[in-house]
Amino acid sequence: MTTLSEARLGAGGRDTSFFVDILTQNASGSWVLCLPSRLKPYQDELELLLGRAFAGRPRCQENLELAQQLTLNWCISKCRKQGISLEECLSDD
């Protein structure tokens, strides 16, 4: 499984910290998704998954990091199902 720490380094050791930017928290504490264009049609699916996984849990930093990891794993899985690499998917934006 790719972790956020590994994803930040990316292939060839380049910084890919934009993975964390896919799911952020705004000033009011709400989570905000910013998916690559190829994954936007599936955003409802990810929102439902996150809603189920974090229902009734506080919007703390630890849960945000867990949600970011879940989001990264979901993105990797969805890209594989489409037959493309995560890098290809992200490079389209």
PDB file of N, CA and C in Angstrom:
ATOM      1  N   MET A   1       0.837  -1.172   0.000  1.00  0.00           N
ATOM      2  CA  MET A   1       0.000   0.000   0.000  1.00  0.00           C
ATOM      3  C   MET A   1       0.886   1.240   0.000  1.00  0.00           C
ATOM      4  N   THR A   2       0.566   2.184  -0.828  1.00  0.00           N
ATOM      5  CA  THR A   2       1.283   3.452  -0.870  1.00  0.00           C
ATOM      6  C   THR A   2       0.795   4.329   0.271  1.00  0.00           C
ATOM      7  N   THR A   3       1.719   4.869   1.049  1.00  0.00           N
ATOM      8  CA  THR A   3       1.340   5.772   2.127  1.00  0.00           C
ATOM      9  C   THR A   3       1.522   7.206   1.658  1.00  0.00           C
ATOM     10  N   LEU A   4       0.949   8.136   2.409  1.00  0.00           N
ATOM     11  CA  LEU A   4       1.103   9.544   2.052  1.00  0.00           C
ATOM     12  C   LEU A   4       2.562   9.953   2.046  1.00  0.00           C
ATOM     13  N   SER A   5       3.337   9.442   2.996  1.00  0.00           N
ATOM     14  CA  SER A   5       4.762   9.775   3.044  1.00  0.00           C
ATOM     15  C   SER A   5       5.469   9.312   1.781  1.00  0.00           C
ATOM     16  N   GLU A   6       5.178   8.100   1.343  1.00  0.00           N
ATOM     17  CA  GLU A   6       5.784   7.582   0.111  1.00  0.00           C
ATOM     18  C   GLU A   6       5.290   8.362  -1.102  1.00  0.00           C
ATOM     19  N   ALA A   7       4.011   8.699  -1.110  1.00  0.00           N
ATOM     20  CA  ALA A   7       3.440   9.427  -2.241  1.00  0.00           C
ATOM     21  C   ALA A   7       4.062  10.809  -2.363  1.00  0.00           C
ATOM     22  N   ARG A   8       4.411  11.417  -1.239  1.00  0.00           N
ATOM     23  CA  ARG A   8       5.020  12.744  -1.274  1.00  0.00           C
ATOM     24  C   ARG A   8       6.367  12.713  -1.977  1.00  0.00           C
ATOM     25  N   LEU A   9       7.087  11.593  -1.855  1.00  0.00           N
ATOM     26  CA  LEU A   9       8.374  11.473  -2.536  1.00  0.00           C
ATOM     27  C   LEU A   9       8.186  11.137  -4.002  1.00  0.00           C
ATOM     28  N   GLY A  10       7.252  10.268  -4.305  1.00  0.00           N
ATOM     29  CA  GLY A  10       6.969   9.912  -5.692  1.00  0.00           C
ATOM     30  C   GLY A  10       8.122   9.188  -6.353  1.00  0.00           C
ATOM     31  N   ALA A  11       7.915   8.851  -7.612  1.00  0.00           N
ATOM     32  CA  ALA A  11       8.933   8.163  -8.388  1.00  0.00           C
ATOM     33  C   ALA A  11      10.120   9.090  -8.603  1.00  0.00           C
ATOM     34  N   GLY A  12      11.294   8.576  -8.455  1.00  0.00           N
ATOM     35  CA  GLY A  12      12.490   9.374  -8.682  1.00  0.00           C
ATOM     36  C   GLY A  12      12.775  10.367  -7.575  1.00  0.00           C
ATOM     37  N   GLY A  13      12.074  10.237  -6.443  1.00  0.00           N
ATOM     38  CA  GLY A  13      12.328  11.102  -5.315  1.00  0.00           C
ATOM     39  C   GLY A  13      11.800  12.520  -5.449  1.00  0.00           C
ATOM     40  N   ARG A  14      10.984  12.797  -6.471  1.00  0.00           N
ATOM     41  CA  ARG A  14      10.456  14.161  -6.634  1.00  0.00           C
ATOM     42  C   ARG A  14       9.313  14.395  -5.647  1.00  0.00           C
ATOM     43  N   ASP A  15       9.129  15.644  -5.270  1.00  0.00           N
ATOM     44  CA  ASP A  15       8.092  16.005  -4.309  1.00  0.00           C
ATOM     45  C   ASP A  15       6.729  15.979  -4.979  1.00  0.00           C
ATOM     46  N   THR A  16       5.838  15.198  -4.432  1.00  0.00           N
ATOM     47  CA  THR A  16       4.479  15.119  -4.952  1.00  0.00           C
ATOM     48  C   THR A  16       3.485  15.357  -3.815  1.00  0.00           C
ATOM     49  N   SER A  17       3.734  16.360  -3.011  1.00  0.00           N
ATOM     50  CA  SER A  17       2.887  16.639  -1.859  1.00  0.00           C
ATOM     51  C   SER A  17       1.476  17.044  -2.257  1.00  0.00           C
ATOM     52  N   PHE A  18       1.231  17.242  -3.557  1.00  0.00           N
ATOM     53  CA  PHE A  18      -0.120  17.573  -4.018  1.00  0.00           C
ATOM     54  C   PHE A  18      -1.115  16.478  -3.704  1.00  0.00           C
ATOM     55  N   PHE A  19      -0.659  15.260  -3.408  1.00  0.00           N
ATOM     56  CA  PHE A  19      -1.593  14.197  -3.031  1.00  0.00           C
ATOM     57  C   PHE A  19      -2.406  14.618  -1.814  1.00  0.00           C
ATOM     58  N   VAL A  20      -1.761  15.314  -0.884  1.00  0.00           N
ATOM     59  CA  VAL A  20      -2.442  15.765   0.318  1.00  0.00           C
ATOM     60  C   VAL A  20      -3.478  16.825  -0.032  1.00  0.00           C
ATOM     61  N   ASP A  21      -3.266  17.561  -1.099  1.00  0.00           N
ATOM     62  CA  ASP A  21      -4.187  18.615  -1.510  1.00  0.00           C
ATOM     63  C   ASP A  21      -5.486  18.079  -2.110  1.00  0.00           C
ATOM     64  N   ILE A  22      -5.564  16.792  -2.356  1.00  0.00           N
ATOM     65  CA  ILE A  22      -6.799  16.212  -2.884  1.00  0.00           C
ATOM     66  C   ILE A  22      -7.908  16.311  -1.842  1.00  0.00           C
ATOM     67  N   LEU A  23      -7.555  16.170  -0.572  1.00  0.00           N
ATOM     68  CA  LEU A  23      -8.521  16.336   0.511  1.00  0.00           C
ATOM     69  C   LEU A  23      -7.917  17.295   1.528  1.00  0.00           C
ATOM     70  N   THR A  24      -8.578  18.427   1.706  1.00  0.00           N
ATOM     71  CA  THR A  24      -8.104  19.439   2.654  1.00  0.00           C
ATOM     72  C   THR A  24      -9.244  19.792   3.611  1.00  0.00           C
ATOM     73  N   GLN A  25      -8.912  20.601   4.597  1.00  0.00           N
ATOM     74  CA  GLN A  25      -9.906  21.063   5.550  1.00  0.00           C
ATOM     75  C   GLN A  25      -9.971  22.583   5.470  1.00  0.00           C
ATOM     76  N   ASN A  26     -11.174  23.133   5.304  1.00  0.00           N
ATOM     77  CA  ASN A  26     -11.308  24.587   5.215  1.00  0.00           C
ATOM     78  C   ASN A  26     -11.374  25.203   6.613  1.00  0.00           C
ATOM     79  N   ALA A  27     -11.477  26.507   6.675  1.00  0.00           N
ATOM     80  CA  ALA A  27     -11.453  27.241   7.946  1.00  0.00           C
ATOM     81  C   ALA A  27     -12.604  26.849   8.877  1.00  0.00           C
ATOM     82  N   SER A  28     -13.731  26.442   8.311  1.00  0.00           N
ATOM     83  CA  SER A  28     -14.872  26.051   9.146  1.00  0.00           C
ATOM     84  C   SER A  28     -14.798  24.591   9.601  1.00  0.00           C
ATOM     85  N   GLY A  29     -13.747  23.878   9.175  1.00  0.00           N
ATOM     86  CA  GLY A  29     -13.562  22.491   9.595  1.00  0.00           C
ATOM     87  C   GLY A  29     -14.128  21.460   8.644  1.00  0.00           C
ATOM     88  N   SER A  30     -14.763  21.896   7.568  1.00  0.00           N
ATOM     89  CA  SER A  30     -15.309  20.951   6.584  1.00  0.00           C
ATOM     90  C   SER A  30     -14.196  20.436   5.674  1.00  0.00           C
ATOM     91  N   TRP A  31     -14.345  19.194   5.252  1.00  0.00           N
ATOM     92  CA  TRP A  31     -13.384  18.618   4.323  1.00  0.00           C
ATOM     93  C   TRP A  31     -13.771  19.007   2.906  1.00  0.00           C
ATOM     94  N   VAL A  32     -12.758  19.289   2.092  1.00  0.00           N
ATOM     95  CA  VAL A  32     -12.970  19.724   0.718  1.00  0.00           C
ATOM     96  C   VAL A  32     -12.185  18.807  -0.216  1.00  0.00           C
ATOM     97  N   LEU A  33     -12.881  18.193  -1.170  1.00  0.00           N
ATOM     98  CA  LEU A  33     -12.246  17.325  -2.162  1.00  0.00           C
ATOM     99  C   LEU A  33     -11.917  18.118  -3.415  1.00  0.00           C
ATOM    100  N   CYS A  34     -10.748  17.858  -3.959  1.00  0.00           N
ATOM    101  CA  CYS A  34     -10.338  18.455  -5.226  1.00  0.00           C
ATOM    102  C   CYS A  34      -9.692  17.344  -6.053  1.00  0.00           C
ATOM    103  N   LEU A  35     -10.551  16.548  -6.691  1.00  0.00           N
ATOM    104  CA  LEU A  35     -10.078  15.374  -7.424  1.00  0.00           C
ATOM    105  C   LEU A  35      -9.559  15.750  -8.807  1.00  0.00           C
ATOM    106  N   PRO A  36      -8.626  14.932  -9.332  1.00  0.00           N
ATOM    107  CA  PRO A  36      -8.198  15.115 -10.722  1.00  0.00           C
ATOM    108  C   PRO A  36      -9.406  14.945 -11.651  1.00  0.00           C
ATOM    109  N   SER A  37      -9.349  15.579 -12.812  1.00  0.00           N
ATOM    110  CA  SER A  37     -10.499  15.582 -13.725  1.00  0.00           C
ATOM    111  C   SER A  37     -10.972  14.176 -14.096  1.00  0.00           C
ATOM    112  N   ARG A  38     -10.061  13.231 -14.245  1.00  0.00           N
ATOM    113  CA  ARG A  38     -10.481  11.865 -14.610  1.00  0.00           C
ATOM    114  C   ARG A  38     -11.262  11.168 -13.502  1.00  0.00           C
ATOM    115  N   LEU A  39     -11.119  11.633 -12.267  1.00  0.00           N
ATOM    116  CA  LEU A  39     -11.809  10.995 -11.148  1.00  0.00           C
ATOM    117  C   LEU A  39     -13.043  11.771 -10.696  1.00  0.00           C
ATOM    118  N   LYS A  40     -13.225  12.979 -11.186  1.00  0.00           N
ATOM    119  CA  LYS A  40     -14.374  13.803 -10.769  1.00  0.00           C
ATOM    120  C   LYS A  40     -15.724  13.111 -10.985  1.00  0.00           C
ATOM    121  N   PRO A  41     -15.919  12.346 -12.059  1.00  0.00           N
ATOM    122  CA  PRO A  41     -17.214  11.670 -12.225  1.00  0.00           C
ATOM    123  C   PRO A  41     -17.540  10.691 -11.101  1.00  0.00           C
ATOM    124  N   TYR A  42     -16.531  10.284 -10.347  1.00  0.00           N
ATOM    125  CA  TYR A  42     -16.710   9.311  -9.271  1.00  0.00           C
ATOM    126  C   TYR A  42     -16.687   9.961  -7.889  1.00  0.00           C
ATOM    127  N   GLN A  43     -16.704  11.287  -7.829  1.00  0.00           N
ATOM    128  CA  GLN A  43     -16.566  11.998  -6.556  1.00  0.00           C
ATOM    129  C   GLN A  43     -17.659  11.613  -5.557  1.00  0.00           C
ATOM    130  N   ASP A  44     -18.892  11.418  -6.029  1.00  0.00           N
ATOM    131  CA  ASP A  44     -19.984  11.035  -5.130  1.00  0.00           C
ATOM    132  C   ASP A  44     -19.664   9.729  -4.411  1.00  0.00           C
ATOM    133  N   GLU A  45     -19.046   8.802  -5.131  1.00  0.00           N
ATOM    134  CA  GLU A  45     -18.669   7.511  -4.545  1.00  0.00           C
ATOM    135  C   GLU A  45     -17.670   7.704  -3.395  1.00  0.00           C
ATOM    136  N   LEU A  46     -16.672   8.545  -3.606  1.00  0.00           N
ATOM    137  CA  LEU A  46     -15.675   8.800  -2.560  1.00  0.00           C
ATOM    138  C   LEU A  46     -16.298   9.554  -1.388  1.00  0.00           C
ATOM    139  N   GLU A  47     -17.147  10.519  -1.673  1.00  0.00           N
ATOM    140  CA  GLU A  47     -17.806  11.265  -0.594  1.00  0.00           C
ATOM    141  C   GLU A  47     -18.649  10.339   0.274  1.00  0.00           C
ATOM    142  N   LEU A  48     -19.331   9.399  -0.343  1.00  0.00           N
ATOM    143  CA  LEU A  48     -20.131   8.421   0.398  1.00  0.00           C
ATOM    144  C   LEU A  48     -19.232   7.550   1.273  1.00  0.00           C
ATOM    145  N   LEU A  49     -18.130   7.085   0.718  1.00  0.00           N
ATOM    146  CA  LEU A  49     -17.186   6.260   1.462  1.00  0.00           C
ATOM    147  C   LEU A  49     -16.631   7.016   2.674  1.00  0.00           C
ATOM    148  N   LEU A  50     -16.208   8.257   2.451  1.00  0.00           N
ATOM    149  CA  LEU A  50     -15.678   9.066   3.554  1.00  0.00           C
ATOM    150  C   LEU A  50     -16.756   9.338   4.602  1.00  0.00           C
ATOM    151  N   GLY A  51     -17.972   9.596   4.145  1.00  0.00           N
ATOM    152  CA  GLY A  51     -19.076   9.832   5.066  1.00  0.00           C
ATOM    153  C   GLY A  51     -19.344   8.636   5.956  1.00  0.00           C
ATOM    154  N   ARG A  52     -19.309   7.458   5.374  1.00  0.00           N
ATOM    155  CA  ARG A  52     -19.528   6.229   6.157  1.00  0.00           C
ATOM    156  C   ARG A  52     -18.381   5.985   7.129  1.00  0.00           C
ATOM    157  N   ALA A  53     -17.173   6.166   6.645  1.00  0.00           N
ATOM    158  CA  ALA A  53     -15.998   5.855   7.461  1.00  0.00           C
ATOM    159  C   ALA A  53     -15.833   6.821   8.640  1.00  0.00           C
ATOM    160  N   PHE A  54     -16.249   8.059   8.461  1.00  0.00           N
ATOM    161  CA  PHE A  54     -15.988   9.061   9.491  1.00  0.00           C
ATOM    162  C   PHE A  54     -17.248   9.633  10.136  1.00  0.00           C
ATOM    163  N   ALA A  55     -18.379   8.976   9.930  1.00  0.00           N
ATOM    164  CA  ALA A  55     -19.627   9.427  10.551  1.00  0.00           C
ATOM    165  C   ALA A  55     -19.492   9.397  12.071  1.00  0.00           C
ATOM    166  N   GLY A  56     -19.864  10.496  12.700  1.00  0.00           N
ATOM    167  CA  GLY A  56     -19.829  10.558  14.150  1.00  0.00           C
ATOM    168  C   GLY A  56     -18.453  10.744  14.754  1.00  0.00           C
ATOM    169  N   ARG A  57     -17.452  10.930  13.912  1.00  0.00           N
ATOM    170  CA  ARG A  57     -16.095  11.134  14.416  1.00  0.00           C
ATOM    171  C   ARG A  57     -15.736  12.616  14.319  1.00  0.00           C
ATOM    172  N   PRO A  58     -14.901  13.081  15.242  1.00  0.00           N
ATOM    173  CA  PRO A  58     -14.534  14.506  15.213  1.00  0.00           C
ATOM    174  C   PRO A  58     -13.672  14.847  14.004  1.00  0.00           C
ATOM    175  N   ARG A  59     -13.742  16.095  13.566  1.00  0.00           N
ATOM    176  CA  ARG A  59     -12.934  16.581  12.445  1.00  0.00           C
ATOM    177  C   ARG A  59     -11.591  17.087  12.973  1.00  0.00           C
ATOM    178  N   CYS A  60     -10.798  16.165  13.525  1.00  0.00           N
ATOM    179  CA  CYS A  60      -9.491  16.527  14.077  1.00  0.00           C
ATOM    180  C   CYS A  60      -8.397  16.218  13.048  1.00  0.00           C
ATOM    181  N   GLN A  61      -7.190  16.684  13.334  1.00  0.00           N
ATOM    182  CA  GLN A  61      -6.065  16.501  12.414  1.00  0.00           C
ATOM    183  C   GLN A  61      -5.794  15.022  12.152  1.00  0.00           C
ATOM    184  N   GLU A  62      -5.873  14.203  13.186  1.00  0.00           N
ATOM    185  CA  GLU A  62      -5.614  12.773  13.019  1.00  0.00           C
ATOM    186  C   GLU A  62      -6.611  12.137  12.059  1.00  0.00           C
ATOM    187  N   ASN A  63      -7.889  12.487  12.190  1.00  0.00           N
ATOM    188  CA  ASN A  63      -8.896  11.934  11.285  1.00  0.00           C
ATOM    189  C   ASN A  63      -8.744  12.482   9.869  1.00  0.00           C
ATOM    190  N   LEU A  64      -8.328  13.738   9.741  1.00  0.00           N
ATOM    191  CA  LEU A  64      -8.056  14.290   8.413  1.00  0.00           C
ATOM    192  C   LEU A  64      -6.948  13.488   7.736  1.00  0.00           C
ATOM    193  N   GLU A  65      -5.890  13.187   8.469  1.00  0.00           N
ATOM    194  CA  GLU A  65      -4.788  12.408   7.892  1.00  0.00           C
ATOM    195  C   GLU A  65      -5.247  11.008   7.499  1.00  0.00           C
ATOM    196  N   LEU A  66      -6.092  10.391   8.310  1.00  0.00           N
ATOM    197  CA  LEU A  66      -6.637   9.079   7.950  1.00  0.00           C
ATOM    198  C   LEU A  66      -7.515   9.185   6.698  1.00  0.00           C
ATOM    199  N   ALA A  67      -8.309  10.237   6.635  1.00  0.00           N
ATOM    200  CA  ALA A  67      -9.168  10.448   5.464  1.00  0.00           C
ATOM    201  C   ALA A  67      -8.327  10.710   4.214  1.00  0.00           C
ATOM    202  N   GLN A  68      -7.215  11.431   4.356  1.00  0.00           N
ATOM    203  CA  GLN A  68      -6.324  11.666   3.222  1.00  0.00           C
ATOM    204  C   GLN A  68      -5.717  10.353   2.743  1.00  0.00           C
ATOM    205  N   GLN A  69      -5.339   9.482   3.681  1.00  0.00           N
ATOM    206  CA  GLN A  69      -4.791   8.178   3.299  1.00  0.00           C
ATOM    207  C   GLN A  69      -5.851   7.345   2.587  1.00  0.00           C
ATOM    208  N   LEU A  70      -7.069   7.343   3.114  1.00  0.00           N
ATOM    209  CA  LEU A  70      -8.169   6.614   2.476  1.00  0.00           C
ATOM    210  C   LEU A  70      -8.426   7.164   1.074  1.00  0.00           C
ATOM    211  N   THR A  71      -8.388   8.481   0.941  1.00  0.00           N
ATOM    212  CA  THR A  71      -8.603   9.121  -0.356  1.00  0.00           C
ATOM    213  C   THR A  71      -7.514   8.738  -1.347  1.00  0.00           C
ATOM    214  N   LEU A  72      -6.266   8.742  -0.906  1.00  0.00           N
ATOM    215  CA  LEU A  72      -5.161   8.326  -1.774  1.00  0.00           C
ATOM    216  C   LEU A  72      -5.352   6.883  -2.229  1.00  0.00           C
ATOM    217  N   ASN A  73      -5.676   5.999  -1.300  1.00  0.00           N
ATOM    218  CA  ASN A  73      -5.891   4.591  -1.657  1.00  0.00           C
ATOM    219  C   ASN A  73      -7.045   4.442  -2.644  1.00  0.00           C
ATOM    220  N   TRP A  74      -8.120   5.208  -2.420  1.00  0.00           N
ATOM    221  CA  TRP A  74      -9.269   5.161  -3.325  1.00  0.00           C
ATOM    222  C   TRP A  74      -8.857   5.635  -4.721  1.00  0.00           C
ATOM    223  N   CYS A  75      -8.091   6.722  -4.789  1.00  0.00           N
ATOM    224  CA  CYS A  75      -7.642   7.254  -6.083  1.00  0.00           C
ATOM    225  C   CYS A  75      -6.785   6.229  -6.831  1.00  0.00           C
ATOM    226  N   ILE A  76      -5.864   5.599  -6.122  1.00  0.00           N
ATOM    227  CA  ILE A  76      -5.006   4.586  -6.741  1.00  0.00           C
ATOM    228  C   ILE A  76      -5.856   3.448  -7.284  1.00  0.00           C
ATOM    229  N   SER A  77      -6.797   2.980  -6.491  1.00  0.00           N
ATOM    230  CA  SER A  77      -7.668   1.881  -6.905  1.00  0.00           C
ATOM    231  C   SER A  77      -8.518   2.267  -8.112  1.00  0.00           C
ATOM    232  N   LYS A  78      -9.077   3.458  -8.078  1.00  0.00           N
ATOM    233  CA  LYS A  78      -9.943   3.907  -9.180  1.00  0.00           C
ATOM    234  C   LYS A  78      -9.131   4.056 -10.474  1.00  0.00           C
ATOM    235  N   CYS A  79      -7.914   4.561 -10.374  1.00  0.00           N
ATOM    236  CA  CYS A  79      -7.059   4.687 -11.561  1.00  0.00           C
ATOM    237  C   CYS A  79      -6.731   3.314 -12.139  1.00  0.00           C
ATOM    238  N   ARG A  80      -6.414   2.368 -11.264  1.00  0.00           N
ATOM    239  CA  ARG A  80      -6.117   1.005 -11.733  1.00  0.00           C
ATOM    240  C   ARG A  80      -7.306   0.412 -12.475  1.00  0.00           C
ATOM    241  N   LYS A  81      -8.500   0.634 -11.931  1.00  0.00           N
ATOM    242  CA  LYS A  81      -9.713   0.121 -12.585  1.00  0.00           C
ATOM    243  C   LYS A  81      -9.900   0.733 -13.969  1.00  0.00           C
ATOM    244  N   GLN A  82      -9.422   1.964 -14.150  1.00  0.00           N
ATOM    245  CA  GLN A  82      -9.501   2.627 -15.449  1.00  0.00           C
ATOM    246  C   GLN A  82      -8.328   2.258 -16.349  1.00  0.00           C
ATOM    247  N   GLY A  83      -7.368   1.506 -15.824  1.00  0.00           N
ATOM    248  CA  GLY A  83      -6.228   1.078 -16.623  1.00  0.00           C
ATOM    249  C   GLY A  83      -5.174   2.151 -16.824  1.00  0.00           C
ATOM    250  N   ILE A  84      -5.106   3.111 -15.917  1.00  0.00           N
ATOM    251  CA  ILE A  84      -4.101   4.165 -16.018  1.00  0.00           C
ATOM    252  C   ILE A  84      -3.320   4.250 -14.712  1.00  0.00           C
ATOM    253  N   SER A  85      -2.133   4.808 -14.790  1.00  0.00           N
ATOM    254  CA  SER A  85      -1.348   4.999 -13.572  1.00  0.00           C
ATOM    255  C   SER A  85      -1.850   6.247 -12.855  1.00  0.00           C
ATOM    256  N   LEU A  86      -1.561   6.323 -11.583  1.00  0.00           N
ATOM    257  CA  LEU A  86      -1.945   7.499 -10.807  1.00  0.00           C
ATOM    258  C   LEU A  86      -1.260   8.743 -11.361  1.00  0.00           C
ATOM    259  N   GLU A  87      -0.013   8.610 -11.774  1.00  0.00           N
ATOM    260  CA  GLU A  87       0.720   9.744 -12.338  1.00  0.00           C
ATOM    261  C   GLU A  87       0.046  10.261 -13.596  1.00  0.00           C
ATOM    262  N   GLU A  88      -0.410   9.338 -14.472  1.00  0.00           N
ATOM    263  CA  GLU A  88      -1.135   9.744 -15.685  1.00  0.00           C
ATOM    264  C   GLU A  88      -2.416  10.485 -15.330  1.00  0.00           C
ATOM    265  N   CYS A  89      -3.116   9.958 -14.359  1.00  0.00           N
ATOM    266  CA  CYS A  89      -4.380  10.543 -13.938  1.00  0.00           C
ATOM    267  C   CYS A  89      -4.159  11.962 -13.434  1.00  0.00           C
ATOM    268  N   LEU A  90      -3.130  12.153 -12.638  1.00  0.00           N
ATOM    269  CA  LEU A  90      -2.858  13.466 -12.057  1.00  0.00           C
ATOM    270  C   LEU A  90      -2.275  14.442 -13.061  1.00  0.00           C
ATOM    271  N   SER A  91      -1.619  13.941 -14.073  1.00  0.00           N
ATOM    272  CA  SER A  91      -0.969  14.826 -15.036  1.00  0.00           C
ATOM    273  C   SER A  91      -1.964  15.450 -16.013  1.00  0.00           C
ATOM    274  N   ASP A  92      -3.180  14.953 -16.072  1.00  0.00           N
ATOM    275  CA  ASP A  92      -4.192  15.492 -16.978  1.00  0.00           C
ATOM    276  C   ASP A  92      -4.729  16.836 -16.537  1.00  0.00           C
ATOM    277  N   ASP A  93      -4.545  17.200 -15.285  1.00  0.00           N
ATOM    278  CA  ASP A  93      -5.076  18.471 -14.777  1.00  0.00           C
ATOM    279  C   ASP A  93      -4.169  19.625 -15.085  1.00  0.00           C
TER     280      ASP A  93
END
